[in-house]
Amino acid sequence: MNANAIVIKEATHNDKSQIAEVLLDFYNMSDLNEAINAFLSELEKDFHYIVAVENGKIIGLVTWFMHGLPKHGLFELDRICILSASRGKGVGIMLVDRLVDDARKWYNKL
């Protein structure tokens, strides 16, 4: 895997099916609909999803949310999921680096 070919971006509603596939690969969910519903439910609760995309396919994700009061500037990393075929190649590090950058920017906007 060429790290230059991987794009790290904020997830959108349009990513729901591919995100669900990653969640299914990582968690014991019953089907694609359960995984899609989990994603959409977490978006409604202000979870932030960041995804890793390679050749147009989401291969991993990280989620975070604000923890405590905004004035404290705290966030909680909720999960890191990488497709089994893409593990061990630095995708998780790329996702966490982006998560920290996004959380800083998010708190600086407040």
PDB file of N, CA and C in Angstrom:
ATOM      1  N   MET A   1       0.848  -1.175   0.000  1.00  0.00           N
ATOM      2  CA  MET A   1       0.000   0.000   0.000  1.00  0.00           C
ATOM      3  C   MET A   1       0.889   1.232   0.000  1.00  0.00           C
ATOM      4  N   ASN A   2       0.639   2.145  -0.879  1.00  0.00           N
ATOM      5  CA  ASN A   2       1.358   3.408  -0.959  1.00  0.00           C
ATOM      6  C   ASN A   2       0.602   4.435  -0.127  1.00  0.00           C
ATOM      7  N   ALA A   3       1.227   4.946   0.934  1.00  0.00           N
ATOM      8  CA  ALA A   3       0.556   5.894   1.824  1.00  0.00           C
ATOM      9  C   ALA A   3       0.123   7.150   1.082  1.00  0.00           C
ATOM     10  N   ASN A   4       0.818   7.502   0.002  1.00  0.00           N
ATOM     11  CA  ASN A   4       0.442   8.681  -0.772  1.00  0.00           C
ATOM     12  C   ASN A   4      -0.890   8.491  -1.479  1.00  0.00           C
ATOM     13  N   ALA A   5      -1.308   7.256  -1.698  1.00  0.00           N
ATOM     14  CA  ALA A   5      -2.557   6.986  -2.390  1.00  0.00           C
ATOM     15  C   ALA A   5      -3.753   7.002  -1.443  1.00  0.00           C
ATOM     16  N   ILE A   6      -3.509   7.124  -0.151  1.00  0.00           N
ATOM     17  CA  ILE A   6      -4.586   7.112   0.833  1.00  0.00           C
ATOM     18  C   ILE A   6      -4.983   8.546   1.149  1.00  0.00           C
ATOM     19  N   VAL A   7      -6.279   8.810   1.084  1.00  0.00           N
ATOM     20  CA  VAL A   7      -6.827  10.127   1.395  1.00  0.00           C
ATOM     21  C   VAL A   7      -7.553  10.020   2.732  1.00  0.00           C
ATOM     22  N   ILE A   8      -7.278  10.950   3.633  1.00  0.00           N
ATOM     23  CA  ILE A   8      -7.952  11.016   4.928  1.00  0.00           C
ATOM     24  C   ILE A   8      -8.912  12.197   4.866  1.00  0.00           C
ATOM     25  N   LYS A   9     -10.189  11.940   5.175  1.00  0.00           N
ATOM     26  CA  LYS A   9     -11.189  13.002   5.063  1.00  0.00           C
ATOM     27  C   LYS A   9     -12.290  12.809   6.092  1.00  0.00           C
ATOM     28  N   GLU A  10     -13.058  13.870   6.286  1.00  0.00           N
ATOM     29  CA  GLU A  10     -14.232  13.788   7.141  1.00  0.00           C
ATOM     30  C   GLU A  10     -15.313  13.007   6.407  1.00  0.00           C
ATOM     31  N   ALA A  11     -15.981  12.135   7.122  1.00  0.00           N
ATOM     32  CA  ALA A  11     -17.039  11.326   6.514  1.00  0.00           C
ATOM     33  C   ALA A  11     -18.307  12.156   6.317  1.00  0.00           C
ATOM     34  N   THR A  12     -19.108  11.737   5.350  1.00  0.00           N
ATOM     35  CA  THR A  12     -20.411  12.356   5.098  1.00  0.00           C
ATOM     36  C   THR A  12     -21.483  11.271   5.099  1.00  0.00           C
ATOM     37  N   HIS A  13     -22.742  11.704   5.075  1.00  0.00           N
ATOM     38  CA  HIS A  13     -23.849  10.745   4.984  1.00  0.00           C
ATOM     39  C   HIS A  13     -23.693   9.834   3.767  1.00  0.00           C
ATOM     40  N   ASN A  14     -23.132  10.362   2.693  1.00  0.00           N
ATOM     41  CA  ASN A  14     -22.963   9.573   1.472  1.00  0.00           C
ATOM     42  C   ASN A  14     -22.019   8.393   1.657  1.00  0.00           C
ATOM     43  N   ASP A  15     -21.218   8.419   2.711  1.00  0.00           N
ATOM     44  CA  ASP A  15     -20.265   7.341   2.980  1.00  0.00           C
ATOM     45  C   ASP A  15     -20.876   6.196   3.783  1.00  0.00           C
ATOM     46  N   LYS A  16     -22.155   6.280   4.099  1.00  0.00           N
ATOM     47  CA  LYS A  16     -22.752   5.356   5.071  1.00  0.00           C
ATOM     48  C   LYS A  16     -22.600   3.882   4.705  1.00  0.00           C
ATOM     49  N   SER A  17     -22.764   3.512   3.448  1.00  0.00           N
ATOM     50  CA  SER A  17     -22.662   2.093   3.082  1.00  0.00           C
ATOM     51  C   SER A  17     -21.247   1.564   3.246  1.00  0.00           C
ATOM     52  N   GLN A  18     -20.262   2.351   2.811  1.00  0.00           N
ATOM     53  CA  GLN A  18     -18.879   1.905   2.954  1.00  0.00           C
ATOM     54  C   GLN A  18     -18.436   1.909   4.416  1.00  0.00           C
ATOM     55  N   ILE A  19     -18.895   2.877   5.187  1.00  0.00           N
ATOM     56  CA  ILE A  19     -18.586   2.890   6.619  1.00  0.00           C
ATOM     57  C   ILE A  19     -19.200   1.662   7.277  1.00  0.00           C
ATOM     58  N   ALA A  20     -20.420   1.335   6.892  1.00  0.00           N
ATOM     59  CA  ALA A  20     -21.077   0.149   7.443  1.00  0.00           C
ATOM     60  C   ALA A  20     -20.278  -1.117   7.144  1.00  0.00           C
ATOM     61  N   GLU A  21     -19.683  -1.198   5.967  1.00  0.00           N
ATOM     62  CA  GLU A  21     -18.865  -2.366   5.627  1.00  0.00           C
ATOM     63  C   GLU A  21     -17.646  -2.474   6.540  1.00  0.00           C
ATOM     64  N   VAL A  22     -17.031  -1.341   6.861  1.00  0.00           N
ATOM     65  CA  VAL A  22     -15.883  -1.355   7.779  1.00  0.00           C
ATOM     66  C   VAL A  22     -16.339  -1.771   9.176  1.00  0.00           C
ATOM     67  N   LEU A  23     -17.465  -1.219   9.637  1.00  0.00           N
ATOM     68  CA  LEU A  23     -17.983  -1.585  10.956  1.00  0.00           C
ATOM     69  C   LEU A  23     -18.312  -3.073  11.023  1.00  0.00           C
ATOM     70  N   LEU A  24     -18.900  -3.614   9.956  1.00  0.00           N
ATOM     71  CA  LEU A  24     -19.215  -5.048   9.909  1.00  0.00           C
ATOM     72  C   LEU A  24     -17.956  -5.900   9.972  1.00  0.00           C
ATOM     73  N   ASP A  25     -16.891  -5.444   9.330  1.00  0.00           N
ATOM     74  CA  ASP A  25     -15.630  -6.190   9.337  1.00  0.00           C
ATOM     75  C   ASP A  25     -15.004  -6.203  10.728  1.00  0.00           C
ATOM     76  N   PHE A  26     -15.296  -5.189  11.519  1.00  0.00           N
ATOM     77  CA  PHE A  26     -14.621  -5.003  12.803  1.00  0.00           C
ATOM     78  C   PHE A  26     -15.461  -5.449  13.999  1.00  0.00           C
ATOM     79  N   TYR A  27     -16.772  -5.255  13.926  1.00  0.00           N
ATOM     80  CA  TYR A  27     -17.658  -5.533  15.056  1.00  0.00           C
ATOM     81  C   TYR A  27     -18.602  -6.682  14.744  1.00  0.00           C
ATOM     82  N   ASN A  28     -19.209  -7.206  15.783  1.00  0.00           N
ATOM     83  CA  ASN A  28     -20.171  -8.293  15.651  1.00  0.00           C
ATOM     84  C   ASN A  28     -21.568  -7.706  15.448  1.00  0.00           C
ATOM     85  N   MET A  29     -21.789  -7.127  14.275  1.00  0.00           N
ATOM     86  CA  MET A  29     -23.104  -6.583  13.935  1.00  0.00           C
ATOM     87  C   MET A  29     -23.800  -7.588  13.031  1.00  0.00           C
ATOM     88  N   SER A  30     -25.133  -7.596  13.088  1.00  0.00           N
ATOM     89  CA  SER A  30     -25.873  -8.634  12.374  1.00  0.00           C
ATOM     90  C   SER A  30     -25.902  -8.442  10.867  1.00  0.00           C
ATOM     91  N   ASP A  31     -25.974  -7.191  10.409  1.00  0.00           N
ATOM     92  CA  ASP A  31     -26.045  -6.966   8.966  1.00  0.00           C
ATOM     93  C   ASP A  31     -25.703  -5.513   8.632  1.00  0.00           C
ATOM     94  N   LEU A  32     -25.718  -5.213   7.341  1.00  0.00           N
ATOM     95  CA  LEU A  32     -25.368  -3.880   6.856  1.00  0.00           C
ATOM     96  C   LEU A  32     -26.304  -2.815   7.413  1.00  0.00           C
ATOM     97  N   ASN A  33     -27.594  -3.119   7.527  1.00  0.00           N
ATOM     98  CA  ASN A  33     -28.553  -2.134   8.041  1.00  0.00           C
ATOM     99  C   ASN A  33     -28.251  -1.742   9.483  1.00  0.00           C
ATOM    100  N   GLU A  34     -27.875  -2.708  10.317  1.00  0.00           N
ATOM    101  CA  GLU A  34     -27.522  -2.388  11.701  1.00  0.00           C
ATOM    102  C   GLU A  34     -26.310  -1.460  11.744  1.00  0.00           C
ATOM    103  N   ALA A  35     -25.335  -1.726  10.895  1.00  0.00           N
ATOM    104  CA  ALA A  35     -24.131  -0.894  10.854  1.00  0.00           C
ATOM    105  C   ALA A  35     -24.445   0.508  10.335  1.00  0.00           C
ATOM    106  N   ILE A  36     -25.277   0.616   9.311  1.00  0.00           N
ATOM    107  CA  ILE A  36     -25.686   1.931   8.799  1.00  0.00           C
ATOM    108  C   ILE A  36     -26.419   2.709   9.886  1.00  0.00           C
ATOM    109  N   ASN A  37     -27.336   2.049  10.583  1.00  0.00           N
ATOM    110  CA  ASN A  37     -28.089   2.717  11.649  1.00  0.00           C
ATOM    111  C   ASN A  37     -27.176   3.179  12.781  1.00  0.00           C
ATOM    112  N   ALA A  38     -26.156   2.395  13.105  1.00  0.00           N
ATOM    113  CA  ALA A  38     -25.195   2.801  14.141  1.00  0.00           C
ATOM    114  C   ALA A  38     -24.470   4.073  13.715  1.00  0.00           C
ATOM    115  N   PHE A  39     -24.021   4.116  12.463  1.00  0.00           N
ATOM    116  CA  PHE A  39     -23.336   5.299  11.934  1.00  0.00           C
ATOM    117  C   PHE A  39     -24.241   6.527  11.984  1.00  0.00           C
ATOM    118  N   LEU A  40     -25.450   6.405  11.460  1.00  0.00           N
ATOM    119  CA  LEU A  40     -26.370   7.547  11.415  1.00  0.00           C
ATOM    120  C   LEU A  40     -26.749   8.013  12.821  1.00  0.00           C
ATOM    121  N   SER A  41     -26.947   7.078  13.733  1.00  0.00           N
ATOM    122  CA  SER A  41     -27.278   7.421  15.113  1.00  0.00           C
ATOM    123  C   SER A  41     -26.143   8.205  15.771  1.00  0.00           C
ATOM    124  N   GLU A  42     -24.916   7.782  15.515  1.00  0.00           N
ATOM    125  CA  GLU A  42     -23.777   8.482  16.107  1.00  0.00           C
ATOM    126  C   GLU A  42     -23.586   9.867  15.498  1.00  0.00           C
ATOM    127  N   LEU A  43     -23.873  10.028  14.218  1.00  0.00           N
ATOM    128  CA  LEU A  43     -23.805  11.366  13.622  1.00  0.00           C
ATOM    129  C   LEU A  43     -24.787  12.308  14.306  1.00  0.00           C
ATOM    130  N   GLU A  44     -25.992  11.802  14.603  1.00  0.00           N
ATOM    131  CA  GLU A  44     -27.000  12.617  15.282  1.00  0.00           C
ATOM    132  C   GLU A  44     -26.551  13.015  16.687  1.00  0.00           C
ATOM    133  N   LYS A  45     -25.671  12.219  17.284  1.00  0.00           N
ATOM    134  CA  LYS A  45     -25.159  12.496  18.629  1.00  0.00           C
ATOM    135  C   LYS A  45     -23.858  13.297  18.586  1.00  0.00           C
ATOM    136  N   ASP A  46     -23.561  13.885  17.434  1.00  0.00           N
ATOM    137  CA  ASP A  46     -22.378  14.734  17.232  1.00  0.00           C
ATOM    138  C   ASP A  46     -21.044  13.997  17.309  1.00  0.00           C
ATOM    139  N   PHE A  47     -21.051  12.713  16.957  1.00  0.00           N
ATOM    140  CA  PHE A  47     -19.786  12.009  16.781  1.00  0.00           C
ATOM    141  C   PHE A  47     -19.149  12.516  15.491  1.00  0.00           C
ATOM    142  N   HIS A  48     -17.852  12.597  15.482  1.00  0.00           N
ATOM    143  CA  HIS A  48     -17.105  13.002  14.297  1.00  0.00           C
ATOM    144  C   HIS A  48     -16.469  11.750  13.700  1.00  0.00           C
ATOM    145  N   TYR A  49     -16.719  11.506  12.427  1.00  0.00           N
ATOM    146  CA  TYR A  49     -16.147  10.362  11.713  1.00  0.00           C
ATOM    147  C   TYR A  49     -15.106  10.862  10.726  1.00  0.00           C
ATOM    148  N   ILE A  50     -13.944  10.256  10.751  1.00  0.00           N
ATOM    149  CA  ILE A  50     -12.881  10.524   9.788  1.00  0.00           C
ATOM    150  C   ILE A  50     -12.560   9.194   9.127  1.00  0.00           C
ATOM    151  N   VAL A  51     -12.446   9.207   7.807  1.00  0.00           N
ATOM    152  CA  VAL A  51     -12.228   7.958   7.075  1.00  0.00           C
ATOM    153  C   VAL A  51     -10.940   8.002   6.266  1.00  0.00           C
ATOM    154  N   ALA A  52     -10.397   6.822   6.030  1.00  0.00           N
ATOM    155  CA  ALA A  52      -9.252   6.641   5.139  1.00  0.00           C
ATOM    156  C   ALA A  52      -9.781   6.011   3.859  1.00  0.00           C
ATOM    157  N   VAL A  53      -9.454   6.622   2.728  1.00  0.00           N
ATOM    158  CA  VAL A  53      -9.956   6.163   1.433  1.00  0.00           C
ATOM    159  C   VAL A  53      -8.775   5.798   0.547  1.00  0.00           C
ATOM    160  N   GLU A  54      -8.847   4.612  -0.030  1.00  0.00           N
ATOM    161  CA  GLU A  54      -7.830   4.170  -0.977  1.00  0.00           C
ATOM    162  C   GLU A  54      -8.534   3.692  -2.238  1.00  0.00           C
ATOM    163  N   ASN A  55      -8.168   4.275  -3.358  1.00  0.00           N
ATOM    164  CA  ASN A  55      -8.778   3.916  -4.647  1.00  0.00           C
ATOM    165  C   ASN A  55     -10.303   3.986  -4.598  1.00  0.00           C
ATOM    166  N   GLY A  56     -10.833   5.018  -3.948  1.00  0.00           N
ATOM    167  CA  GLY A  56     -12.275   5.228  -3.888  1.00  0.00           C
ATOM    168  C   GLY A  56     -13.009   4.380  -2.869  1.00  0.00           C
ATOM    169  N   LYS A  57     -12.296   3.568  -2.100  1.00  0.00           N
ATOM    170  CA  LYS A  57     -12.926   2.682  -1.124  1.00  0.00           C
ATOM    171  C   LYS A  57     -12.473   3.050   0.286  1.00  0.00           C
ATOM    172  N   ILE A  58     -13.431   3.140   1.209  1.00  0.00           N
ATOM    173  CA  ILE A  58     -13.103   3.405   2.606  1.00  0.00           C
ATOM    174  C   ILE A  58     -12.487   2.142   3.196  1.00  0.00           C
ATOM    175  N   ILE A  59     -11.254   2.290   3.723  1.00  0.00           N
ATOM    176  CA  ILE A  59     -10.537   1.143   4.278  1.00  0.00           C
ATOM    177  C   ILE A  59     -10.388   1.229   5.793  1.00  0.00           C
ATOM    178  N   GLY A  60     -10.767   2.374   6.366  1.00  0.00           N
ATOM    179  CA  GLY A  60     -10.664   2.521   7.807  1.00  0.00           C
ATOM    180  C   GLY A  60     -11.344   3.787   8.281  1.00  0.00           C
ATOM    181  N   LEU A  61     -11.570   3.862   9.577  1.00  0.00           N
ATOM    182  CA  LEU A  61     -12.215   5.042  10.145  1.00  0.00           C
ATOM    183  C   LEU A  61     -11.796   5.216  11.591  1.00  0.00           C
ATOM    184  N   VAL A  62     -11.975   6.426  12.056  1.00  0.00           N
ATOM    185  CA  VAL A  62     -11.786   6.766  13.464  1.00  0.00           C
ATOM    186  C   VAL A  62     -12.942   7.688  13.842  1.00  0.00           C
ATOM    187  N   THR A  63     -13.427   7.559  15.078  1.00  0.00           N
ATOM    188  CA  THR A  63     -14.502   8.435  15.539  1.00  0.00           C
ATOM    189  C   THR A  63     -14.082   9.102  16.846  1.00  0.00           C
ATOM    190  N   TRP A  64     -14.589  10.330  17.028  1.00  0.00           N
ATOM    191  CA  TRP A  64     -14.333  11.061  18.264  1.00  0.00           C
ATOM    192  C   TRP A  64     -15.526  11.941  18.580  1.00  0.00           C
ATOM    193  N   PHE A  65     -15.595  12.372  19.845  1.00  0.00           N
ATOM    194  CA  PHE A  65     -16.634  13.310  20.256  1.00  0.00           C
ATOM    195  C   PHE A  65     -16.099  14.194  21.375  1.00  0.00           C
ATOM    196  N   MET A  66     -16.753  15.329  21.535  1.00  0.00           N
ATOM    197  CA  MET A  66     -16.382  16.262  22.585  1.00  0.00           C
ATOM    198  C   MET A  66     -16.649  15.612  23.937  1.00  0.00           C
ATOM    199  N   HIS A  67     -15.743  15.815  24.873  1.00  0.00           N
ATOM    200  CA  HIS A  67     -15.876  15.231  26.206  1.00  0.00           C
ATOM    201  C   HIS A  67     -15.877  16.369  27.222  1.00  0.00           C
ATOM    202  N   GLY A  68     -16.893  16.416  28.049  1.00  0.00           N
ATOM    203  CA  GLY A  68     -16.984  17.488  29.040  1.00  0.00           C
ATOM    204  C   GLY A  68     -17.506  18.772  28.413  1.00  0.00           C
ATOM    205  N   LEU A  69     -17.144  19.884  29.006  1.00  0.00           N
ATOM    206  CA  LEU A  69     -17.575  21.190  28.515  1.00  0.00           C
ATOM    207  C   LEU A  69     -16.610  21.693  27.445  1.00  0.00           C
ATOM    208  N   PRO A  70     -17.127  22.461  26.472  1.00  0.00           N
ATOM    209  CA  PRO A  70     -16.243  22.978  25.423  1.00  0.00           C
ATOM    210  C   PRO A  70     -15.043  23.752  25.969  1.00  0.00           C
ATOM    211  N   LYS A  71     -15.232  24.473  27.082  1.00  0.00           N
ATOM    212  CA  LYS A  71     -14.127  25.275  27.623  1.00  0.00           C
ATOM    213  C   LYS A  71     -12.953  24.414  28.085  1.00  0.00           C
ATOM    214  N   HIS A  72     -13.191  23.125  28.325  1.00  0.00           N
ATOM    215  CA  HIS A  72     -12.114  22.239  28.763  1.00  0.00           C
ATOM    216  C   HIS A  72     -11.257  21.745  27.599  1.00  0.00           C
ATOM    217  N   GLY A  73     -11.792  21.796  26.391  1.00  0.00           N
ATOM    218  CA  GLY A  73     -11.023  21.386  25.218  1.00  0.00           C
ATOM    219  C   GLY A  73     -10.681  19.908  25.182  1.00  0.00           C
ATOM    220  N   LEU A  74     -11.533  19.079  25.756  1.00  0.00           N
ATOM    221  CA  LEU A  74     -11.271  17.641  25.795  1.00  0.00           C
ATOM    222  C   LEU A  74     -12.066  16.913  24.720  1.00  0.00           C
ATOM    223  N   PHE A  75     -11.482  15.855  24.197  1.00  0.00           N
ATOM    224  CA  PHE A  75     -12.209  14.994  23.280  1.00  0.00           C
ATOM    225  C   PHE A  75     -11.898  13.552  23.622  1.00  0.00           C
ATOM    226  N   GLU A  76     -12.776  12.666  23.182  1.00  0.00           N
ATOM    227  CA  GLU A  76     -12.576  11.243  23.428  1.00  0.00           C
ATOM    228  C   GLU A  76     -12.528  10.501  22.109  1.00  0.00           C
ATOM    229  N   LEU A  77     -11.465   9.739  21.930  1.00  0.00           N
ATOM    230  CA  LEU A  77     -11.374   8.857  20.780  1.00  0.00           C
ATOM    231  C   LEU A  77     -12.311   7.696  21.068  1.00  0.00           C
ATOM    232  N   ASP A  78     -13.286   7.489  20.207  1.00  0.00           N
ATOM    233  CA  ASP A  78     -14.287   6.452  20.439  1.00  0.00           C
ATOM    234  C   ASP A  78     -13.865   5.113  19.845  1.00  0.00           C
ATOM    235  N   ARG A  79     -13.424   5.119  18.585  1.00  0.00           N
ATOM    236  CA  ARG A  79     -13.048   3.850  17.952  1.00  0.00           C
ATOM    237  C   ARG A  79     -12.110   4.076  16.788  1.00  0.00           C
ATOM    238  N   ILE A  80     -11.324   3.060  16.526  1.00  0.00           N
ATOM    239  CA  ILE A  80     -10.517   2.977  15.309  1.00  0.00           C
ATOM    240  C   ILE A  80     -10.845   1.636  14.678  1.00  0.00           C
ATOM    241  N   CYS A  81     -11.255   1.652  13.430  1.00  0.00           N
ATOM    242  CA  CYS A  81     -11.559   0.416  12.700  1.00  0.00           C
ATOM    243  C   CYS A  81     -10.820   0.451  11.367  1.00  0.00           C
ATOM    244  N   ILE A  82     -10.064  -0.583  11.104  1.00  0.00           N
ATOM    245  CA  ILE A  82      -9.346  -0.718   9.840  1.00  0.00           C
ATOM    246  C   ILE A  82      -9.752  -2.056   9.235  1.00  0.00           C
ATOM    247  N   LEU A  83     -10.083  -2.068   7.946  1.00  0.00           N
ATOM    248  CA  LEU A  83     -10.382  -3.340   7.291  1.00  0.00           C
ATOM    249  C   LEU A  83      -9.218  -4.298   7.500  1.00  0.00           C
ATOM    250  N   SER A  84      -9.526  -5.551   7.727  1.00  0.00           N
ATOM    251  CA  SER A  84      -8.477  -6.519   8.044  1.00  0.00           C
ATOM    252  C   SER A  84      -7.395  -6.576   6.970  1.00  0.00           C
ATOM    253  N   ALA A  85      -7.747  -6.401   5.719  1.00  0.00           N
ATOM    254  CA  ALA A  85      -6.766  -6.449   4.627  1.00  0.00           C
ATOM    255  C   ALA A  85      -5.829  -5.242   4.619  1.00  0.00           C
ATOM    256  N   SER A  86      -6.179  -4.186   5.343  1.00  0.00           N
ATOM    257  CA  SER A  86      -5.381  -2.953   5.335  1.00  0.00           C
ATOM    258  C   SER A  86      -4.659  -2.697   6.653  1.00  0.00           C
ATOM    259  N   ARG A  87      -4.742  -3.625   7.584  1.00  0.00           N
ATOM    260  CA  ARG A  87      -4.104  -3.439   8.894  1.00  0.00           C
ATOM    261  C   ARG A  87      -2.596  -3.612   8.811  1.00  0.00           C
ATOM    262  N   GLY A  88      -1.898  -2.943   9.732  1.00  0.00           N
ATOM    263  CA  GLY A  88      -0.451  -3.076   9.827  1.00  0.00           C
ATOM    264  C   GLY A  88       0.325  -2.249   8.818  1.00  0.00           C
ATOM    265  N   LYS A  89      -0.344  -1.285   8.208  1.00  0.00           N
ATOM    266  CA  LYS A  89       0.296  -0.494   7.153  1.00  0.00           C
ATOM    267  C   LYS A  89       0.275   1.003   7.432  1.00  0.00           C
ATOM    268  N   GLY A  90      -0.004   1.393   8.678  1.00  0.00           N
ATOM    269  CA  GLY A  90       0.060   2.799   9.044  1.00  0.00           C
ATOM    270  C   GLY A  90      -1.224   3.592   8.888  1.00  0.00           C
ATOM    271  N   VAL A  91      -2.310   2.956   8.488  1.00  0.00           N
ATOM    272  CA  VAL A  91      -3.574   3.668   8.283  1.00  0.00           C
ATOM    273  C   VAL A  91      -4.088   4.239   9.601  1.00  0.00           C
ATOM    274  N   GLY A  92      -3.999   3.476  10.674  1.00  0.00           N
ATOM    275  CA  GLY A  92      -4.466   3.945  11.977  1.00  0.00           C
ATOM    276  C   GLY A  92      -3.725   5.182  12.447  1.00  0.00           C
ATOM    277  N   ILE A  93      -2.418   5.214  12.236  1.00  0.00           N
ATOM    278  CA  ILE A  93      -1.618   6.388  12.618  1.00  0.00           C
ATOM    279  C   ILE A  93      -2.067   7.612  11.830  1.00  0.00           C
ATOM    280  N   MET A  94      -2.299   7.437  10.542  1.00  0.00           N
ATOM    281  CA  MET A  94      -2.765   8.550   9.706  1.00  0.00           C
ATOM    282  C   MET A  94      -4.111   9.066  10.205  1.00  0.00           C
ATOM    283  N   LEU A  95      -5.005   8.157  10.571  1.00  0.00           N
ATOM    284  CA  LEU A  95      -6.329   8.551  11.048  1.00  0.00           C
ATOM    285  C   LEU A  95      -6.245   9.296  12.380  1.00  0.00           C
ATOM    286  N   VAL A  96      -5.436   8.805  13.307  1.00  0.00           N
ATOM    287  CA  VAL A  96      -5.322   9.461  14.615  1.00  0.00           C
ATOM    288  C   VAL A  96      -4.673  10.836  14.471  1.00  0.00           C
ATOM    289  N   ASP A  97      -3.671  10.956  13.615  1.00  0.00           N
ATOM    290  CA  ASP A  97      -3.063  12.271  13.373  1.00  0.00           C
ATOM    291  C   ASP A  97      -4.110  13.263  12.885  1.00  0.00           C
ATOM    292  N   ARG A  98      -4.953  12.843  11.963  1.00  0.00           N
ATOM    293  CA  ARG A  98      -6.006  13.721  11.434  1.00  0.00           C
ATOM    294  C   ARG A  98      -7.038  14.029  12.514  1.00  0.00           C
ATOM    295  N   LEU A  99      -7.366  13.044  13.339  1.00  0.00           N
ATOM    296  CA  LEU A  99      -8.316  13.255  14.425  1.00  0.00           C
ATOM    297  C   LEU A  99      -7.829  14.371  15.343  1.00  0.00           C
ATOM    298  N   VAL A 100      -6.579  14.335  15.743  1.00  0.00           N
ATOM    299  CA  VAL A 100      -6.026  15.362  16.636  1.00  0.00           C
ATOM    300  C   VAL A 100      -6.091  16.735  15.964  1.00  0.00           C
ATOM    301  N   ASP A 101      -5.726  16.807  14.693  1.00  0.00           N
ATOM    302  CA  ASP A 101      -5.805  18.079  13.963  1.00  0.00           C
ATOM    303  C   ASP A 101      -7.240  18.586  13.894  1.00  0.00           C
ATOM    304  N   ASP A 102      -8.181  17.698  13.563  1.00  0.00           N
ATOM    305  CA  ASP A 102      -9.584  18.101  13.459  1.00  0.00           C
ATOM    306  C   ASP A 102     -10.141  18.562  14.800  1.00  0.00           C
ATOM    307  N   ALA A 103      -9.808  17.859  15.876  1.00  0.00           N
ATOM    308  CA  ALA A 103     -10.304  18.246  17.201  1.00  0.00           C
ATOM    309  C   ALA A 103      -9.769  19.622  17.591  1.00  0.00           C
ATOM    310  N   ARG A 104      -8.503  19.883  17.318  1.00  0.00           N
ATOM    311  CA  ARG A 104      -7.936  21.207  17.613  1.00  0.00           C
ATOM    312  C   ARG A 104      -8.665  22.294  16.833  1.00  0.00           C
ATOM    313  N   LYS A 105      -8.861  22.069  15.546  1.00  0.00           N
ATOM    314  CA  LYS A 105      -9.558  23.060  14.715  1.00  0.00           C
ATOM    315  C   LYS A 105     -10.981  23.259  15.202  1.00  0.00           C
ATOM    316  N   TRP A 106     -11.648  22.178  15.567  1.00  0.00           N
ATOM    317  CA  TRP A 106     -13.032  22.257  16.026  1.00  0.00           C
ATOM    318  C   TRP A 106     -13.119  23.103  17.291  1.00  0.00           C
ATOM    319  N   TYR A 107     -12.226  22.870  18.246  1.00  0.00           N
ATOM    320  CA  TYR A 107     -12.243  23.642  19.487  1.00  0.00           C
ATOM    321  C   TYR A 107     -11.812  25.083  19.269  1.00  0.00           C
ATOM    322  N   ASN A 108     -10.930  25.342  18.333  1.00  0.00           N
ATOM    323  CA  ASN A 108     -10.511  26.717  18.049  1.00  0.00           C
ATOM    324  C   ASN A 108     -11.642  27.541  17.449  1.00  0.00           C
ATOM    325  N   LYS A 109     -12.621  26.886  16.815  1.00  0.00           N
ATOM    326  CA  LYS A 109     -13.770  27.594  16.240  1.00  0.00           C
ATOM    327  C   LYS A 109     -14.745  28.055  17.310  1.00  0.00           C
ATOM    328  N   LEU A 110     -14.712  27.426  18.482  1.00  0.00           N
ATOM    329  CA  LEU A 110     -15.696  27.755  19.537  1.00  0.00           C
ATOM    330  C   LEU A 110     -15.425  29.093  20.164  1.00  0.00           C
TER     331      LEU A 110
END
